[in-house]
Amino acid sequence: MGTKEIPVDLRYTVEHEWLRTLGETIEIGITAFAADQLGDVVFVELPEVGTLITAGTPFGVVESVKSVSDLFAPLSGTVTEVNETLQEAPERVNEACYGEGWMIRIKPDADQDVKSLLSAQEYAKTLV
């Protein structure tokens, strides 16, 4: 897979998560590359609102017809919202990974810097 779908307004991790800044909140999901690699997503396990997540550690699980994969926290912070739609419609991850398929929203810890994560161009280089 090439760089078919890497929005330039987001930040990325080498674990194939994306981040969108929404004011003081950060929205997190998985990239199109990750969704393609997983295949059809059939189940998503996400943390509860109020959960503290730590950068680099798993915060949830995505299960597909092919495999089960951990979701890794790109930043430390507190979960403020969970995409409940994915409980009933996990296929949204495949259909709109950068839109309705988002996973969680967090309020990052004060010392967390989204700009330290990969740009779209830097992320694209990891896929080669």
C-alpha atoms as a PDB file:
ATOM      1  CA  MET A   1       0.000   0.000   0.000  1.00  0.00           C
ATOM      2  CA  GLY A   2       1.221   3.482  -0.770  1.00  0.00           C
ATOM      3  CA  THR A   3       0.152   6.783   0.663  1.00  0.00           C
ATOM      4  CA  LYS A   4      -3.362   6.482  -0.704  1.00  0.00           C
ATOM      5  CA  GLU A   5      -5.023   8.078   2.276  1.00  0.00           C
ATOM      6  CA  ILE A   6      -2.894  10.093   4.670  1.00  0.00           C
ATOM      7  CA  PRO A   7      -4.589  13.390   5.579  1.00  0.00           C
ATOM      8  CA  VAL A   8      -1.974  16.118   6.011  1.00  0.00           C
ATOM      9  CA  ASP A   9      -3.828  17.857   8.856  1.00  0.00           C
ATOM     10  CA  LEU A  10      -3.335  14.933  11.280  1.00  0.00           C
ATOM     11  CA  ARG A  11      -0.389  13.586  13.293  1.00  0.00           C
ATOM     12  CA  TYR A  12       0.629   9.908  13.271  1.00  0.00           C
ATOM     13  CA  THR A  13       2.470   7.187  15.179  1.00  0.00           C
ATOM     14  CA  VAL A  14       4.585   4.282  13.943  1.00  0.00           C
ATOM     15  CA  GLU A  15       1.867   2.025  15.450  1.00  0.00           C
ATOM     16  CA  HIS A  16      -0.541   3.416  12.802  1.00  0.00           C
ATOM     17  CA  GLU A  17      -2.700   5.625  15.002  1.00  0.00           C
ATOM     18  CA  TRP A  18      -3.710   9.126  13.941  1.00  0.00           C
ATOM     19  CA  LEU A  19      -4.438  12.166  16.101  1.00  0.00           C
ATOM     20  CA  ARG A  20      -6.633  15.191  15.390  1.00  0.00           C
ATOM     21  CA  THR A  21      -6.499  18.260  17.631  1.00  0.00           C
ATOM     22  CA  LEU A  22      -9.964  19.515  18.598  1.00  0.00           C
ATOM     23  CA  GLY A  23      -9.251  22.503  20.832  1.00  0.00           C
ATOM     24  CA  GLU A  24      -7.958  21.075  24.109  1.00  0.00           C
ATOM     25  CA  THR A  25      -9.079  17.564  23.161  1.00  0.00           C
ATOM     26  CA  ILE A  26      -7.254  15.032  20.982  1.00  0.00           C
ATOM     27  CA  GLU A  27      -9.221  12.579  18.817  1.00  0.00           C
ATOM     28  CA  ILE A  28      -7.503   9.242  18.132  1.00  0.00           C
ATOM     29  CA  GLY A  29      -8.154   6.516  15.576  1.00  0.00           C
ATOM     30  CA  ILE A  30      -6.297   4.051  13.364  1.00  0.00           C
ATOM     31  CA  THR A  31      -4.977   4.848   9.904  1.00  0.00           C
ATOM     32  CA  ALA A  32      -6.246   3.552   6.583  1.00  0.00           C
ATOM     33  CA  PHE A  33      -3.076   1.455   6.350  1.00  0.00           C
ATOM     34  CA  ALA A  34      -3.901  -0.220   9.695  1.00  0.00           C
ATOM     35  CA  ALA A  35      -7.534  -0.765   8.704  1.00  0.00           C
ATOM     36  CA  ASP A  36      -6.437  -2.315   5.392  1.00  0.00           C
ATOM     37  CA  GLN A  37      -3.953  -4.596   7.144  1.00  0.00           C
ATOM     38  CA  LEU A  38      -6.553  -5.735   9.675  1.00  0.00           C
ATOM     39  CA  GLY A  39      -9.249  -6.512   7.153  1.00  0.00           C
ATOM     40  CA  ASP A  40     -12.906  -6.359   8.177  1.00  0.00           C
ATOM     41  CA  VAL A  41     -13.146  -5.081  11.756  1.00  0.00           C
ATOM     42  CA  VAL A  42     -15.718  -7.085  13.740  1.00  0.00           C
ATOM     43  CA  PHE A  43     -15.139  -5.850  17.318  1.00  0.00           C
ATOM     44  CA  VAL A  44     -13.587  -2.851  19.063  1.00  0.00           C
ATOM     45  CA  GLU A  45     -12.795  -2.754  22.789  1.00  0.00           C
ATOM     46  CA  LEU A  46     -12.233   0.762  24.116  1.00  0.00           C
ATOM     47  CA  PRO A  47     -11.595   2.207  27.587  1.00  0.00           C
ATOM     48  CA  GLU A  48     -14.267   3.909  29.661  1.00  0.00           C
ATOM     49  CA  VAL A  49     -14.558   7.679  29.948  1.00  0.00           C
ATOM     50  CA  GLY A  50     -12.311   8.841  32.781  1.00  0.00           C
ATOM     51  CA  THR A  51      -9.652   6.187  32.159  1.00  0.00           C
ATOM     52  CA  LEU A  52      -6.070   7.421  32.369  1.00  0.00           C
ATOM     53  CA  ILE A  53      -4.002   6.234  29.418  1.00  0.00           C
ATOM     54  CA  THR A  54      -0.209   6.255  29.195  1.00  0.00           C
ATOM     55  CA  ALA A  55       1.768   6.951  26.032  1.00  0.00           C
ATOM     56  CA  GLY A  56       3.153   3.783  24.477  1.00  0.00           C
ATOM     57  CA  THR A  57       0.847   1.393  26.331  1.00  0.00           C
ATOM     58  CA  PRO A  58      -2.282  -0.396  25.032  1.00  0.00           C
ATOM     59  CA  PHE A  59      -5.613   1.361  25.593  1.00  0.00           C
ATOM     60  CA  GLY A  60      -7.887  -0.944  23.621  1.00  0.00           C
ATOM     61  CA  VAL A  61      -8.219  -3.766  21.109  1.00  0.00           C
ATOM     62  CA  VAL A  62      -9.377  -4.055  17.513  1.00  0.00           C
ATOM     63  CA  GLU A  63     -10.497  -7.477  16.350  1.00  0.00           C
ATOM     64  CA  SER A  64     -10.894  -8.330  12.683  1.00  0.00           C
ATOM     65  CA  VAL A  65     -11.629 -11.442  10.691  1.00  0.00           C
ATOM     66  CA  LYS A  66      -7.831 -11.858  10.353  1.00  0.00           C
ATOM     67  CA  SER A  67      -6.383 -10.908  13.745  1.00  0.00           C
ATOM     68  CA  VAL A  68      -6.585  -9.127  17.081  1.00  0.00           C
ATOM     69  CA  SER A  69      -4.448  -6.004  17.547  1.00  0.00           C
ATOM     70  CA  ASP A  70      -3.762  -3.736  20.493  1.00  0.00           C
ATOM     71  CA  LEU A  71      -4.353  -0.005  20.185  1.00  0.00           C
ATOM     72  CA  PHE A  72      -1.427   1.966  21.617  1.00  0.00           C
ATOM     73  CA  ALA A  73      -1.818   5.339  23.293  1.00  0.00           C
ATOM     74  CA  PRO A  74       0.115   7.975  21.339  1.00  0.00           C
ATOM     75  CA  LEU A  75      -0.071  10.404  24.275  1.00  0.00           C
ATOM     76  CA  SER A  76      -0.783  10.234  27.991  1.00  0.00           C
ATOM     77  CA  GLY A  77      -4.046  11.726  29.199  1.00  0.00           C
ATOM     78  CA  THR A  78      -7.612  11.145  30.341  1.00  0.00           C
ATOM     79  CA  VAL A  79     -10.307   9.636  28.114  1.00  0.00           C
ATOM     80  CA  THR A  80     -13.086  12.225  27.731  1.00  0.00           C
ATOM     81  CA  GLU A  81     -15.198  10.462  25.104  1.00  0.00           C
ATOM     82  CA  VAL A  82     -15.492   7.028  23.502  1.00  0.00           C
ATOM     83  CA  ASN A  83     -17.022   6.369  20.087  1.00  0.00           C
ATOM     84  CA  GLU A  84     -19.945   4.242  21.271  1.00  0.00           C
ATOM     85  CA  THR A  85     -21.101   3.782  17.658  1.00  0.00           C
ATOM     86  CA  LEU A  86     -18.277   1.278  17.160  1.00  0.00           C
ATOM     87  CA  GLN A  87     -19.906  -1.137  19.625  1.00  0.00           C
ATOM     88  CA  GLU A  88     -22.845  -1.624  17.251  1.00  0.00           C
ATOM     89  CA  ALA A  89     -21.048  -0.816  13.987  1.00  0.00           C
ATOM     90  CA  PRO A  90     -17.338  -1.726  14.190  1.00  0.00           C
ATOM     91  CA  GLU A  91     -17.190  -1.709  10.375  1.00  0.00           C
ATOM     92  CA  ARG A  92     -17.094   2.105  10.579  1.00  0.00           C
ATOM     93  CA  VAL A  93     -13.372   1.708  11.276  1.00  0.00           C
ATOM     94  CA  ASN A  94     -12.958   0.286   7.752  1.00  0.00           C
ATOM     95  CA  GLU A  95     -15.479   2.584   6.076  1.00  0.00           C
ATOM     96  CA  ALA A  96     -14.368   5.935   7.548  1.00  0.00           C
ATOM     97  CA  CYS A  97     -11.260   5.505   9.679  1.00  0.00           C
ATOM     98  CA  TYR A  98     -10.507   9.256   9.644  1.00  0.00           C
ATOM     99  CA  GLY A  99     -14.127  10.250  10.257  1.00  0.00           C
ATOM    100  CA  GLU A 100     -16.915   8.282  11.935  1.00  0.00           C
ATOM    101  CA  GLY A 101     -14.455   5.487  12.724  1.00  0.00           C
ATOM    102  CA  TRP A 102     -12.541   7.506  15.362  1.00  0.00           C
ATOM    103  CA  MET A 103     -11.891   5.590  18.606  1.00  0.00           C
ATOM    104  CA  ILE A 104     -11.455   7.883  21.615  1.00  0.00           C
ATOM    105  CA  ARG A 105     -10.984  11.514  22.590  1.00  0.00           C
ATOM    106  CA  ILE A 106      -8.601  12.449  25.365  1.00  0.00           C
ATOM    107  CA  LYS A 107      -7.515  15.481  27.337  1.00  0.00           C
ATOM    108  CA  PRO A 108      -3.741  15.121  27.122  1.00  0.00           C
ATOM    109  CA  ASP A 109      -1.487  15.662  30.120  1.00  0.00           C
ATOM    110  CA  ALA A 110       0.011  19.157  30.169  1.00  0.00           C
ATOM    111  CA  ASP A 111       3.474  18.006  29.098  1.00  0.00           C
ATOM    112  CA  GLN A 112       2.270  16.090  26.004  1.00  0.00           C
ATOM    113  CA  ASP A 113       3.124  17.597  22.615  1.00  0.00           C
ATOM    114  CA  VAL A 114       1.156  16.453  19.567  1.00  0.00           C
ATOM    115  CA  LYS A 115       3.681  18.186  17.287  1.00  0.00           C
ATOM    116  CA  SER A 116       6.335  15.698  18.432  1.00  0.00           C
ATOM    117  CA  LEU A 117       4.456  12.943  16.571  1.00  0.00           C
ATOM    118  CA  LEU A 118       4.871  12.144  12.880  1.00  0.00           C
ATOM    119  CA  SER A 119       3.629  14.464  10.140  1.00  0.00           C
ATOM    120  CA  ALA A 120       1.788  12.928   7.187  1.00  0.00           C
ATOM    121  CA  GLN A 121       5.011  12.963   5.140  1.00  0.00           C
ATOM    122  CA  GLU A 122       7.037  11.354   7.947  1.00  0.00           C
ATOM    123  CA  TYR A 123       4.345   8.710   8.477  1.00  0.00           C
ATOM    124  CA  ALA A 124       4.239   7.930   4.733  1.00  0.00           C
ATOM    125  CA  LYS A 125       7.972   7.116   4.853  1.00  0.00           C
ATOM    126  CA  THR A 126       7.311   4.437   7.499  1.00  0.00           C
ATOM    127  CA  LEU A 127       5.025   2.594   5.067  1.00  0.00           C
ATOM    128  CA  VAL A 128       7.662   2.068   2.372  1.00  0.00           C
END
